[in-house]
Each structure stands twice: as structure tokens, then as C-alpha cells.
Amino acid sequence: MTSLQKQLDILANRPINKVRRPSIAAKSILYAPTVRVPIDSIYDIAKNGLEELCKLDKIFESFKETIFGKNASRTERVMMSKEENERLNQEIAKFLITVAPYFLLKAALKTIEFLLRRFDIWKHNVDDFMMCILPYHQTTTFAIALRNIDLIDSRWSFLESAALSNSSVDRKSLACRCLRDRSLLNFIINYYPEYTIGLGAKRKSHQLYVSFAVALSNEIIDIYSNQSKIGSLKSNFNNSNNNSNNSNNNSNDNNFSISQHLQRFIIDSVIQFGLYSLNSKYLDIELFTAACLVFSKLALFDCLSNQVLQTIFDNLINYLDIWNQDITLRTLILIVQKQSDQIKSFSILSMNKLITSFPTIHIALAQLSDSGFDTSDFIRLFIFSLLPLVEKTNFQNIFNNLLSLSSFQMHIPQLLQNAINLIVSKPSLLNPLSYFLKQITKLHSKQITPILVEMYKNRQQEKQFKKKSIFTSLSNNNNNNNN
């Protein structure tokens, strides 16, 4: 027996390992694994699907001359240069982003079938393919597509068990994984601004992705805020290696605790996405409402820094003259009510925008207060922040409407003290604030007396007001009211 024959015998008798996944030839979302369809037929089907998509959206016309061009059915990636492959990957990513809103349609599946067979997107474009189908993670079509993707050694390896069992994935399990794997959460959150805008995705794609990310963020917040789950969040997925952070996973990785550092990362990621949503050029009332929901829910359980809160306020206030003012105001109030210890005041910029864009805000606050909506902390902060803007023409009108609210009266002592301190630091505000001071002492004289007594004891303050004594004015007004 020759040496060559011996080698052939060894190869022939070598045991064959059981293949865990379908063969390369079996990659398909239209046909059963046993069905073999020639690539030319797949190409013709894809062109038909592309024509159907063009009738729905003209944006698909551009792909007729690129990845679905007349030479596409003969294109071999292995024969292409690195630069050619990079350009191809970018065009594929652009198409997958664009077709994502239509993923459940047969026309879209026809085109994706060709990309699977011709360009092997199941192994060369895993991230883009996954982000195309991920918003549909609870559907059967998602499960069919998932089983065709090479998930091993990727950020999506945790879905391997779902792929093998042809199962869809519930949102809670996906959210739990994001809590465990910050690289996955970071990728999903940042995919949209980096790819949907950078690759020129249109409104429908943007709305789909942002809506999905908002829903996922809300699920993450719900799980994170549930104290009974913090410390032992369990995923439905089998333990798998994470190529970014968890190279040494163990069998107990499904039971994990949320560290303080991870808490901060989760919160920052969600806030970052919420702010991105607000500043999107495709923002509409639905996305705006969703972003408001994210901020409102986040404020319910975590103490956000004053700087972060101020950033959120500034971004929300920018839309007071565009979107639903009621939604914006309720969101601002809810955040302030839940984060009152963290917020010192609204910025001058925010207050100017509030007064200018929402001149009837005092009426809206009065109506919300009368309806039982808790506005006490917001009104306190609003009035305190309004004092430096006393010279604004709309100040007295706003102040008069808020003065009679019960939620306002509890803050009168501190408000009066703040007003006097403001005059001490800036005497030019004495005349503009005199109306405010007289109205306060007229309606709430009993609360004013102890403050005046305390202030009289402070000779330094008394000296600063010697030339034009506010104490005398307040005391005279107070005595007249008592008589």
C-alpha cells in the first residue's frame, strides 16, 4: 500500500463529529434545510422582492445597481479585495437597516435570502443582520432567521440555545442579558446614532430602531428598579462566553449581582439614549413621548446628579413650543418631585425658555395642582428659580396665579428668605421685588412675622438695608394686615 493510499484510508476512517448547526448550503429563511434552490433562481426571486419593496419606498431603488445589480449573482467575496469587501459590507449594512421596518414582509425575506446565499451575511455581517431582526425578537420569523446566523464567538452567542431550539426571545430575557453584559447594552444603544444616521437610514428605520431601544430601556429600568430582583437577576439563556468582558465565565454566571459601577453604566446608557432620541432629526410625538417615559421611569428609583437633571430639563424644555406641552410639563414635574433633593434650581436658560415658550405655564400648573397632581416641589423650585427673573414682564402674572395655590404656601418662609437674600446680593432688584414682597406679606402675614424677627436679629442684613429699609416696609404692611 502506497503512502497516498494510507493517508486516504486514515481520512476515510476518521470519525465525523456531529454538526450542531445546519450546513452552509442549508442557510435559508424561505426554504426547508433539505430544499436546494440554484443561486440564479434565488437571485430572480430577490429581484422580484426588491421590486415589491420599491413600490413601498423609493429608497430601495438605489440597491438595484449595487448588491442586487446584474453582476451580483456572480460575485464571490473570496475573490474580492479588502477594500471591495469593506464597500460591500457598508452597502449590505445600509440595506439591512433600510429593510428592517419591512422585515416581516415576504418581499423583504426574498431579498435577505439572496444576501444569505450570495454574500454569506450569516457569517460576514452578523452584527448588522442581528440588528435588522432584533426588533422582532418575539416573532417566529425572528426565530427562523436566527437559526441561520453563526452566533458562536460573537456578542450574540448567548442566543445559541434559542437558535438551536428555533425559539423566539422574550424582551425580559434580552433585558436581563443587557444588565449582565454592558458591551451588549452599549452596542445596542450606540448602534442607532452610529449606523442609522451615518448610513443615511430614513425615518421608518430610525423610528423602528429607536422604538425598540426605548422599549428595551424601559424593560431594563423595570427589572433594575424591582428591588426584589436586584442582586439575583436570572436570564433564560444558557451560560455562554462573552467575547468582550466575560472570558472566564463560570456555571453560575446566570446568577449575578449589579455592582454600583454597573448601575451607573446602565443609568448613563439609558440617559444617553433618551437624550439622543430627543435630539434626533426624525423626532416626532411618539418618539418624544417614549423618551419622556424613559426619563420619568428612571427618576422614580435613582438619584440622578444635578448636572444630568439639568441636561434633561434643557433638552425637554426645547420642545415646549413644538410638542405636547402637557406631556413635557408632567415629565418635568415628575422628575422634580422624585429628585427634589438633587435639584437646587433651574438654570437661567431653562427659565427663560419656560417663560417664553410656555407663557401660560402658571395656568397649567394651577390646573394640575387642582386636579390632585402633586406639584409642590416643582412649584417651589420654579418660583425660587423665577426670582432672579423678576424683571421679566410676565413675572407678576405668573406669580399672582401661583400665589394662591396650597402647594405654594408651604414654601413661603423659605421663598421670602431667598427673595431677601437675593436683594442683599443684588440691591437693584429691590424695586422689582417689592410687588412680590407686598403680595406675600398681604396674603400670608402670620408666616412672615417669625422671619422678620429672625432677620432683625441679623444686624449685618439690617445695615445693608438701612438706606431703604425693606424691614420697615414689610413690618408696616404686616401690621396693617393684622389690623
Protein backbone atom coordinates (compact mmCIF):
# COMPACT_ATOMS: atom_id res chain seq x y z
CA MET A 1 0.00 0.00 0.00
CA THR A 2 1.41 3.34 -1.06
CA SER A 3 1.82 6.29 1.25
CA LEU A 4 -1.01 8.13 -0.51
CA GLN A 5 -3.39 5.19 -0.06
CA LYS A 6 -2.56 5.05 3.67
CA GLN A 7 -3.41 8.72 4.07
CA LEU A 8 -6.68 8.25 2.22
CA ASP A 9 -7.60 5.31 4.44
CA ILE A 10 -6.92 7.40 7.54
CA LEU A 11 -9.17 10.18 6.28
CA ALA A 12 -11.91 7.72 5.29
CA ASN A 13 -11.94 6.06 8.72
CA ARG A 14 -11.71 9.29 10.74
CA PRO A 15 -14.83 9.72 12.99
CA ILE A 16 -17.07 12.56 11.95
CA ASN A 17 -18.16 14.99 14.67
CA LYS A 18 -21.84 15.70 14.90
CA VAL A 19 -22.64 19.05 13.30
CA ARG A 20 -24.55 21.30 15.66
CA ARG A 21 -25.81 23.77 13.09
CA PRO A 22 -27.27 23.49 9.58
CA SER A 23 -24.78 23.17 6.74
CA ILE A 24 -23.71 26.17 4.72
CA ALA A 25 -25.88 25.08 1.82
CA ALA A 26 -28.90 24.96 4.14
CA LYS A 27 -28.82 28.68 5.03
CA SER A 28 -32.31 29.88 4.20
CA ILE A 29 -35.24 31.80 5.66
CA LEU A 30 -37.60 30.80 2.84
CA TYR A 31 -36.98 27.07 2.38
CA ALA A 32 -36.55 23.99 4.49
CA PRO A 33 -32.95 22.86 5.10
CA THR A 34 -33.38 19.92 2.70
CA VAL A 35 -34.51 22.10 -0.22
CA ARG A 36 -31.80 23.12 -2.67
CA VAL A 37 -32.51 26.10 -4.91
CA PRO A 38 -29.96 27.31 -7.52
CA ILE A 39 -28.43 30.71 -6.87
CA ASP A 40 -29.76 32.08 -10.16
CA SER A 41 -33.31 31.28 -9.05
CA ILE A 42 -32.65 32.87 -5.67
CA TYR A 43 -31.40 35.98 -7.48
CA ASP A 44 -34.54 36.22 -9.64
CA ILE A 45 -36.69 35.86 -6.52
CA ALA A 46 -34.68 38.58 -4.78
CA LYS A 47 -35.12 40.97 -7.72
CA ASN A 48 -38.86 40.35 -7.56
CA GLY A 49 -38.84 41.10 -3.83
CA LEU A 50 -36.82 44.26 -4.42
CA GLU A 51 -39.37 45.49 -6.97
CA GLU A 52 -42.13 44.99 -4.41
CA LEU A 53 -40.13 46.95 -1.83
CA CYS A 54 -39.54 49.77 -4.33
CA LYS A 55 -43.31 50.17 -4.65
CA LEU A 56 -43.46 50.71 -0.88
CA ASP A 57 -40.45 53.02 -0.64
CA LYS A 58 -38.37 54.54 -3.44
CA ILE A 59 -35.27 54.39 -1.26
CA PHE A 60 -34.79 50.78 -2.38
CA GLU A 61 -34.18 51.89 -5.98
CA SER A 62 -30.54 52.63 -5.18
CA PHE A 63 -29.82 48.97 -4.39
CA LYS A 64 -30.77 47.79 -7.88
CA GLU A 65 -27.33 48.73 -9.18
CA THR A 66 -25.28 47.60 -6.20
CA ILE A 67 -25.89 44.43 -4.17
CA PHE A 68 -28.76 43.42 -6.48
CA GLY A 69 -27.10 44.53 -9.70
CA LYS A 70 -26.81 42.32 -12.79
CA ASN A 71 -23.37 41.04 -11.73
CA ALA A 72 -24.38 40.36 -8.13
CA SER A 73 -25.32 36.72 -8.72
CA ARG A 74 -21.78 36.05 -9.92
CA THR A 75 -19.97 37.96 -7.18
CA GLU A 76 -17.63 35.88 -5.00
CA ARG A 77 -16.49 37.52 -1.76
CA VAL A 78 -13.37 35.39 -1.58
CA MET A 79 -12.20 36.89 -4.86
CA MET A 80 -12.69 40.47 -3.72
CA SER A 81 -10.01 42.72 -2.24
CA LYS A 82 -10.17 44.01 1.34
CA GLU A 83 -11.33 47.44 0.15
CA GLU A 84 -14.02 45.89 -2.06
CA ASN A 85 -15.27 43.79 0.84
CA GLU A 86 -15.44 46.86 3.07
CA ARG A 87 -17.53 48.72 0.50
CA LEU A 88 -19.75 45.66 0.12
CA ASN A 89 -20.20 45.40 3.90
CA GLN A 90 -21.22 49.04 4.09
CA GLU A 91 -23.80 48.61 1.33
CA ILE A 92 -25.15 45.46 2.97
CA ALA A 93 -25.40 47.26 6.33
CA LYS A 94 -27.26 50.13 4.68
CA PHE A 95 -29.70 47.74 3.03
CA LEU A 96 -30.34 45.73 6.22
CA ILE A 97 -31.05 48.94 8.13
CA THR A 98 -33.37 50.15 5.38
CA VAL A 99 -35.25 46.87 5.00
CA ALA A 100 -35.65 46.32 8.76
CA PRO A 101 -39.10 48.04 9.00
CA TYR A 102 -40.35 45.63 6.34
CA PHE A 103 -38.68 42.51 7.73
CA LEU A 104 -41.93 40.62 8.32
CA LEU A 105 -43.00 41.05 4.68
CA LYS A 106 -42.35 38.26 2.18
CA ALA A 107 -40.73 40.77 -0.18
CA ALA A 108 -38.08 41.60 2.41
CA LEU A 109 -37.39 37.93 3.11
CA LYS A 110 -36.85 37.32 -0.61
CA THR A 111 -34.06 39.89 -0.70
CA ILE A 112 -32.47 38.70 2.55
CA GLU A 113 -32.49 35.13 1.19
CA PHE A 114 -30.20 36.23 -1.61
CA LEU A 115 -27.85 38.03 0.79
CA LEU A 116 -27.64 34.86 2.87
CA ARG A 117 -26.76 32.69 -0.10
CA ARG A 118 -24.63 35.01 -2.20
CA PHE A 119 -22.80 37.19 0.29
CA ASP A 120 -22.84 34.91 3.37
CA ILE A 121 -24.17 37.64 5.64
CA TRP A 122 -24.80 34.93 8.22
CA LYS A 123 -21.05 34.94 8.99
CA HIS A 124 -19.62 38.16 7.49
CA ASN A 125 -22.30 40.63 8.63
CA VAL A 126 -23.54 39.12 11.89
CA ASP A 127 -23.99 42.38 13.83
CA ASP A 128 -25.87 44.16 11.04
CA PHE A 129 -28.05 41.12 10.35
CA MET A 130 -28.83 40.76 14.05
CA MET A 131 -29.76 44.43 14.40
CA CYS A 132 -32.04 44.07 11.38
CA ILE A 133 -34.03 41.29 13.01
CA LEU A 134 -33.62 42.10 16.73
CA PRO A 135 -36.66 44.45 16.98
CA TYR A 136 -38.75 41.37 16.06
CA HIS A 137 -37.19 39.13 18.70
CA GLN A 138 -40.56 37.86 19.91
CA THR A 139 -41.75 36.63 16.49
CA THR A 140 -41.49 33.30 14.68
CA THR A 141 -39.79 34.98 11.73
CA PHE A 142 -37.02 36.11 14.06
CA ALA A 143 -36.52 32.52 15.23
CA ILE A 144 -36.28 31.32 11.61
CA ALA A 145 -33.68 33.96 10.76
CA LEU A 146 -31.74 33.38 13.98
CA ARG A 147 -31.08 29.72 13.26
CA ASN A 148 -29.19 30.73 10.11
CA ILE A 149 -26.70 33.05 11.82
CA ASP A 150 -23.28 31.98 13.03
CA LEU A 151 -23.57 33.13 16.64
CA ILE A 152 -20.58 31.26 18.04
CA ASP A 153 -17.73 33.52 19.20
CA SER A 154 -19.84 36.65 18.68
CA ARG A 155 -21.54 39.07 21.07
CA TRP A 156 -24.75 37.16 20.30
CA SER A 157 -23.54 33.74 21.43
CA PHE A 158 -26.00 33.84 24.33
CA LEU A 159 -28.75 33.29 21.73
CA GLU A 160 -27.28 29.96 20.62
CA SER A 161 -29.74 27.92 22.69
CA ALA A 162 -32.67 29.86 21.19
CA ALA A 163 -31.30 29.27 17.69
CA LEU A 164 -30.89 25.53 18.23
CA SER A 165 -34.43 25.23 19.57
CA ASN A 166 -35.94 27.52 16.89
CA SER A 167 -37.29 29.78 19.62
CA SER A 168 -38.08 33.46 19.77
CA VAL A 169 -36.74 35.57 22.64
CA ASP A 170 -38.84 37.48 25.14
CA ARG A 171 -37.90 41.07 25.99
CA LYS A 172 -37.28 40.37 29.65
CA SER A 173 -34.59 37.82 28.83
CA LEU A 174 -32.95 40.24 26.42
CA ALA A 175 -33.04 42.99 29.05
CA CYS A 176 -31.51 40.67 31.65
CA ARG A 177 -28.68 39.90 29.28
CA CYS A 178 -28.07 43.62 28.78
CA LEU A 179 -27.87 44.00 32.55
CA ARG A 180 -25.26 41.26 32.66
CA ASP A 181 -23.29 42.30 29.60
CA ARG A 182 -22.60 46.02 29.38
CA SER A 183 -20.91 45.63 25.97
CA LEU A 184 -24.19 44.37 24.50
CA LEU A 185 -26.20 47.22 26.01
CA ASN A 186 -23.62 49.72 24.83
CA PHE A 187 -23.68 48.26 21.31
CA ILE A 188 -27.47 48.37 21.02
CA ILE A 189 -27.73 51.88 22.46
CA ASN A 190 -24.98 53.26 20.22
CA TYR A 191 -25.88 51.33 17.06
CA TYR A 192 -28.58 53.80 16.09
CA PRO A 193 -26.70 57.12 16.04
CA GLU A 194 -23.63 55.46 14.52
CA TYR A 195 -25.36 53.49 11.78
CA THR A 196 -28.91 54.64 11.12
CA ILE A 197 -27.82 58.25 10.61
CA GLY A 198 -24.32 57.59 9.30
CA LEU A 199 -25.61 55.28 6.60
CA GLY A 200 -28.47 57.56 5.66
CA ALA A 201 -31.32 55.44 7.02
CA LYS A 202 -34.71 57.05 6.59
CA ARG A 203 -37.47 57.87 9.02
CA LYS A 204 -39.11 54.42 9.18
CA SER A 205 -35.84 52.68 10.00
CA HIS A 206 -34.99 55.28 12.59
CA GLN A 207 -38.40 55.05 14.26
CA LEU A 208 -38.22 51.26 14.36
CA TYR A 209 -34.80 51.17 15.98
CA VAL A 210 -35.45 53.98 18.45
CA SER A 211 -38.82 52.50 19.45
CA PHE A 212 -37.16 49.14 20.05
CA ALA A 213 -34.34 50.65 22.11
CA VAL A 214 -36.80 52.69 24.17
CA ALA A 215 -38.87 49.56 24.86
CA LEU A 216 -35.73 47.67 25.84
CA SER A 217 -34.59 50.56 28.06
CA ASN A 218 -37.95 50.57 29.83
CA GLU A 219 -37.69 46.83 30.40
CA ILE A 220 -34.20 47.26 31.82
CA ILE A 221 -35.42 50.02 34.12
CA ASP A 222 -38.35 47.87 35.29
CA ILE A 223 -36.05 44.98 36.18
CA TYR A 224 -33.40 47.18 37.72
CA SER A 225 -35.90 49.14 39.80
CA ASN A 226 -37.51 46.00 41.18
CA GLN A 227 -35.61 45.63 44.42
CA SER A 228 -36.55 42.01 44.81
CA LYS A 229 -34.65 41.19 41.63
CA ILE A 230 -31.55 43.26 42.22
CA GLY A 231 -28.71 41.02 43.27
CA SER A 232 -30.00 37.88 41.58
CA LEU A 233 -31.24 38.60 38.10
CA LYS A 234 -31.66 35.38 36.16
CA SER A 235 -31.53 35.08 32.41
CA ASN A 236 -33.42 32.39 30.49
CA PHE A 237 -30.36 31.76 28.36
CA ASN A 238 -27.66 29.18 28.96
CA ASN A 239 -24.31 30.47 30.10
CA SER A 240 -22.05 31.34 27.18
CA ASN A 241 -18.74 33.11 26.65
CA ASN A 242 -18.77 36.83 26.16
CA ASN A 243 -16.03 37.91 23.79
CA SER A 244 -15.83 41.39 25.34
CA ASN A 245 -15.96 41.12 29.10
CA ASN A 246 -16.57 37.59 30.33
CA SER A 247 -13.71 35.46 29.07
CA ASN A 248 -13.75 33.44 32.28
CA ASN A 249 -17.44 32.80 32.78
CA ASN A 250 -18.45 30.04 35.14
CA SER A 251 -21.57 27.93 35.51
CA ASN A 252 -23.09 30.37 37.98
CA ASP A 253 -22.97 33.32 35.60
CA ASN A 254 -26.76 33.35 35.30
CA ASN A 255 -26.92 34.50 38.91
CA PHE A 256 -25.26 37.87 39.18
CA SER A 257 -25.31 40.98 41.29
CA ILE A 258 -25.49 44.50 39.95
CA SER A 259 -22.46 46.38 41.18
CA GLN A 260 -22.56 50.10 41.82
CA HIS A 261 -20.30 50.65 38.80
CA LEU A 262 -22.67 48.64 36.58
CA GLN A 263 -25.65 50.55 37.97
CA ARG A 264 -24.02 53.82 36.92
CA PHE A 265 -23.24 52.44 33.48
CA ILE A 266 -26.82 51.26 32.94
CA ILE A 267 -28.26 54.58 34.02
CA ASP A 268 -25.81 56.59 31.92
CA SER A 269 -26.52 54.42 28.86
CA VAL A 270 -30.27 54.83 29.18
CA ILE A 271 -29.96 58.59 29.72
CA GLN A 272 -27.62 58.86 26.76
CA PHE A 273 -30.12 57.11 24.54
CA GLY A 274 -33.00 59.22 25.82
CA LEU A 275 -31.09 62.41 25.04
CA TYR A 276 -30.15 61.07 21.64
CA SER A 277 -33.83 60.37 20.93
CA LEU A 278 -34.78 63.94 21.86
CA ASN A 279 -32.14 65.40 19.55
CA SER A 280 -32.87 63.15 16.59
CA LYS A 281 -33.77 64.88 13.33
CA TYR A 282 -36.55 62.29 12.95
CA LEU A 283 -38.12 63.09 16.31
CA ASP A 284 -41.91 63.00 16.33
CA ILE A 285 -44.53 62.97 19.08
CA GLU A 286 -44.34 59.18 19.50
CA LEU A 287 -40.58 59.12 19.99
CA PHE A 288 -40.76 62.20 22.18
CA THR A 289 -43.38 60.56 24.42
CA ALA A 290 -41.27 57.41 24.60
CA ALA A 291 -38.21 59.41 25.65
CA CYS A 292 -40.28 61.18 28.32
CA LEU A 293 -41.39 57.79 29.60
CA VAL A 294 -37.78 56.63 29.91
CA PHE A 295 -36.76 59.71 31.90
CA SER A 296 -39.85 59.53 34.10
CA LYS A 297 -39.34 55.89 34.97
CA LEU A 298 -35.63 56.39 35.59
CA ALA A 299 -36.36 59.23 38.00
CA LEU A 300 -38.59 57.00 40.11
CA PHE A 301 -35.81 54.98 41.66
CA ASP A 302 -32.41 56.53 41.15
CA CYS A 303 -30.86 59.74 42.40
CA LEU A 304 -29.53 61.50 39.33
CA SER A 305 -26.90 64.21 39.60
CA ASN A 306 -27.93 67.84 39.33
CA GLN A 307 -25.85 68.17 36.16
CA VAL A 308 -27.61 65.24 34.48
CA LEU A 309 -31.01 66.51 35.55
CA GLN A 310 -30.23 69.96 34.20
CA THR A 311 -29.24 68.43 30.86
CA ILE A 312 -32.52 66.50 30.72
CA PHE A 313 -34.50 69.64 31.59
CA ASP A 314 -32.78 71.74 28.96
CA ASN A 315 -33.46 69.12 26.29
CA LEU A 316 -37.11 68.66 27.26
CA ILE A 317 -37.78 72.38 27.52
CA ASN A 318 -36.51 72.85 23.96
CA TYR A 319 -39.71 71.20 22.73
CA LEU A 320 -42.24 73.12 24.80
CA ASP A 321 -43.20 75.23 21.81
CA ILE A 322 -43.35 72.24 19.44
CA TRP A 323 -44.67 69.11 21.10
CA ASN A 324 -47.41 68.38 23.56
CA GLN A 325 -46.85 70.78 26.42
CA ASP A 326 -48.84 68.67 28.84
CA ILE A 327 -46.54 65.65 28.37
CA THR A 328 -43.44 67.80 28.76
CA LEU A 329 -44.69 69.58 31.86
CA ARG A 330 -45.85 66.37 33.55
CA THR A 331 -42.46 64.77 32.85
CA LEU A 332 -40.60 67.75 34.31
CA ILE A 333 -42.83 67.77 37.38
CA LEU A 334 -42.47 64.03 37.97
CA ILE A 335 -38.68 64.20 37.74
CA VAL A 336 -38.53 67.14 40.15
CA GLN A 337 -40.93 65.53 42.61
CA LYS A 338 -38.83 62.34 42.71
CA GLN A 339 -35.42 64.02 42.61
CA SER A 340 -36.15 67.08 44.74
CA ASP A 341 -33.11 66.55 46.97
CA GLN A 342 -30.80 66.66 43.97
CA ILE A 343 -32.14 69.75 42.22
CA LYS A 344 -31.15 73.15 43.55
CA SER A 345 -32.70 75.35 40.87
CA PHE A 346 -33.48 75.62 37.20
CA SER A 347 -30.87 77.34 35.08
CA ILE A 348 -31.49 80.87 33.81
CA LEU A 349 -31.55 79.42 30.30
CA SER A 350 -34.24 76.90 31.24
CA MET A 351 -36.36 79.50 33.00
CA ASN A 352 -36.15 81.91 30.08
CA LYS A 353 -37.21 79.12 27.74
CA LEU A 354 -40.04 78.06 30.06
CA ILE A 355 -41.50 81.55 30.31
CA THR A 356 -41.03 82.36 26.63
CA SER A 357 -42.24 79.07 25.16
CA PHE A 358 -44.94 78.38 27.72
CA PRO A 359 -46.42 81.75 28.76
CA THR A 360 -49.46 80.02 30.28
CA ILE A 361 -47.42 77.63 32.43
CA HIS A 362 -48.89 79.18 35.59
CA ILE A 363 -52.38 78.24 34.40
CA ALA A 364 -51.30 74.69 33.57
CA LEU A 365 -49.64 74.33 36.99
CA ALA A 366 -52.75 75.61 38.74
CA GLN A 367 -54.94 73.15 36.82
CA LEU A 368 -52.65 70.22 37.57
CA SER A 369 -52.50 71.21 41.22
CA ASP A 370 -56.30 71.49 41.43
CA SER A 371 -56.69 68.07 39.81
CA GLY A 372 -54.64 66.46 42.58
CA PHE A 373 -51.37 66.11 40.64
CA ASP A 374 -48.53 66.66 43.13
CA THR A 375 -46.74 69.82 42.01
CA SER A 376 -45.46 71.13 45.35
CA ASP A 377 -41.71 70.62 44.84
CA PHE A 378 -41.86 71.74 41.23
CA ILE A 379 -43.70 74.95 42.11
CA ARG A 380 -41.21 75.65 44.89
CA LEU A 381 -38.26 75.16 42.54
CA PHE A 382 -39.98 77.08 39.77
CA ILE A 383 -40.68 80.12 41.97
CA PHE A 384 -37.19 80.07 43.50
CA SER A 385 -35.70 79.97 40.01
CA LEU A 386 -38.09 82.68 38.87
CA LEU A 387 -36.96 85.24 41.44
CA PRO A 388 -33.79 86.30 39.57
CA LEU A 389 -36.00 86.94 36.53
CA VAL A 390 -38.34 89.23 38.42
CA GLU A 391 -37.79 91.99 35.87
CA LYS A 392 -39.41 89.89 33.15
CA THR A 393 -42.78 91.37 32.16
CA ASN A 394 -44.57 88.06 32.61
CA PHE A 395 -43.32 87.54 36.14
CA GLN A 396 -46.14 89.22 38.06
CA ASN A 397 -48.82 87.47 36.03
CA ILE A 398 -47.25 84.07 36.71
CA PHE A 399 -46.65 84.86 40.35
CA ASN A 400 -50.23 86.01 41.02
CA ASN A 401 -51.64 82.75 39.68
CA LEU A 402 -49.31 80.60 41.77
CA LEU A 403 -49.62 82.61 44.97
CA SER A 404 -53.00 81.19 45.92
CA LEU A 405 -52.09 77.53 45.41
CA SER A 406 -51.93 75.49 48.58
CA SER A 407 -48.80 73.72 47.32
CA PHE A 408 -47.13 77.14 47.12
CA GLN A 409 -47.99 78.35 50.62
CA MET A 410 -45.88 75.76 52.44
CA HIS A 411 -42.76 77.23 50.87
CA ILE A 412 -43.41 80.86 51.76
CA PRO A 413 -40.85 81.17 54.62
CA GLN A 414 -38.01 79.82 52.53
CA LEU A 415 -39.19 81.77 49.50
CA LEU A 416 -39.23 85.04 51.43
CA GLN A 417 -35.77 84.34 52.80
CA ASN A 418 -34.49 83.62 49.29
CA ALA A 419 -36.01 86.86 47.99
CA ILE A 420 -34.38 88.96 50.71
CA ASN A 421 -31.02 87.22 50.24
CA LEU A 422 -31.31 87.96 46.55
CA ILE A 423 -31.88 91.65 47.26
CA VAL A 424 -28.93 91.66 49.68
CA SER A 425 -26.65 90.33 46.95
CA LYS A 426 -28.21 92.48 44.23
CA PRO A 427 -29.87 95.65 45.65
CA SER A 428 -31.09 96.71 42.22
CA LEU A 429 -33.76 94.02 42.48
CA LEU A 430 -35.41 95.73 45.46
CA ASN A 431 -37.89 97.71 43.39
CA PRO A 432 -38.84 94.83 41.05
CA LEU A 433 -39.27 92.52 44.03
CA SER A 434 -41.26 94.99 46.11
CA TYR A 435 -44.51 93.92 44.45
CA PHE A 436 -43.72 90.29 45.23
CA LEU A 437 -42.88 91.08 48.86
CA LYS A 438 -46.03 93.13 49.41
CA GLN A 439 -48.23 90.41 47.98
CA ILE A 440 -46.58 87.79 50.14
CA THR A 441 -46.97 89.78 53.35
CA LYS A 442 -50.53 90.74 52.47
CA LEU A 443 -51.76 87.19 51.99
CA HIS A 444 -49.54 85.35 54.45
CA SER A 445 -48.77 87.77 57.27
CA LYS A 446 -48.76 85.13 60.02
CA GLN A 447 -45.96 83.24 58.36
CA ILE A 448 -43.95 86.41 57.77
CA THR A 449 -43.61 87.61 61.41
CA PRO A 450 -41.18 84.91 62.67
CA ILE A 451 -38.97 85.50 59.64
CA LEU A 452 -38.87 89.25 60.25
CA VAL A 453 -37.98 88.72 63.91
CA GLU A 454 -35.11 86.47 62.93
CA MET A 455 -33.90 88.86 60.30
CA TYR A 456 -33.98 91.83 62.69
CA LYS A 457 -31.53 89.94 64.84
CA ASN A 458 -29.09 89.91 61.97
CA ARG A 459 -27.59 93.38 62.13
CA GLN A 460 -25.47 92.87 59.07
CA GLN A 461 -28.56 92.39 56.91
CA GLU A 462 -30.27 95.29 58.68
CA LYS A 463 -27.33 97.56 57.91
CA GLN A 464 -27.37 96.68 54.21
CA PHE A 465 -30.99 97.78 54.05
CA LYS A 466 -30.52 100.89 56.15
CA LYS A 467 -30.95 103.39 53.32
CA LYS A 468 -34.10 101.85 52.03
CA SER A 469 -35.27 99.53 54.72
CA ILE A 470 -37.25 96.58 53.46
CA PHE A 471 -37.88 95.56 57.04
CA THR A 472 -39.84 98.71 57.67
CA SER A 473 -41.88 98.17 54.55
CA LEU A 474 -42.60 94.56 55.44
CA SER A 475 -43.41 95.35 59.07
CA ASN A 476 -45.79 98.20 58.19
CA ASN A 477 -47.55 96.02 55.68
CA ASN A 478 -47.72 93.18 58.12
CA ASN A 479 -49.19 95.39 60.89
CA ASN A 480 -51.82 96.78 58.52
CA ASN A 481 -52.88 93.26 57.60
CA ASN A 482 -53.15 92.22 61.23
CA ASN A 483 -55.32 95.27 61.98
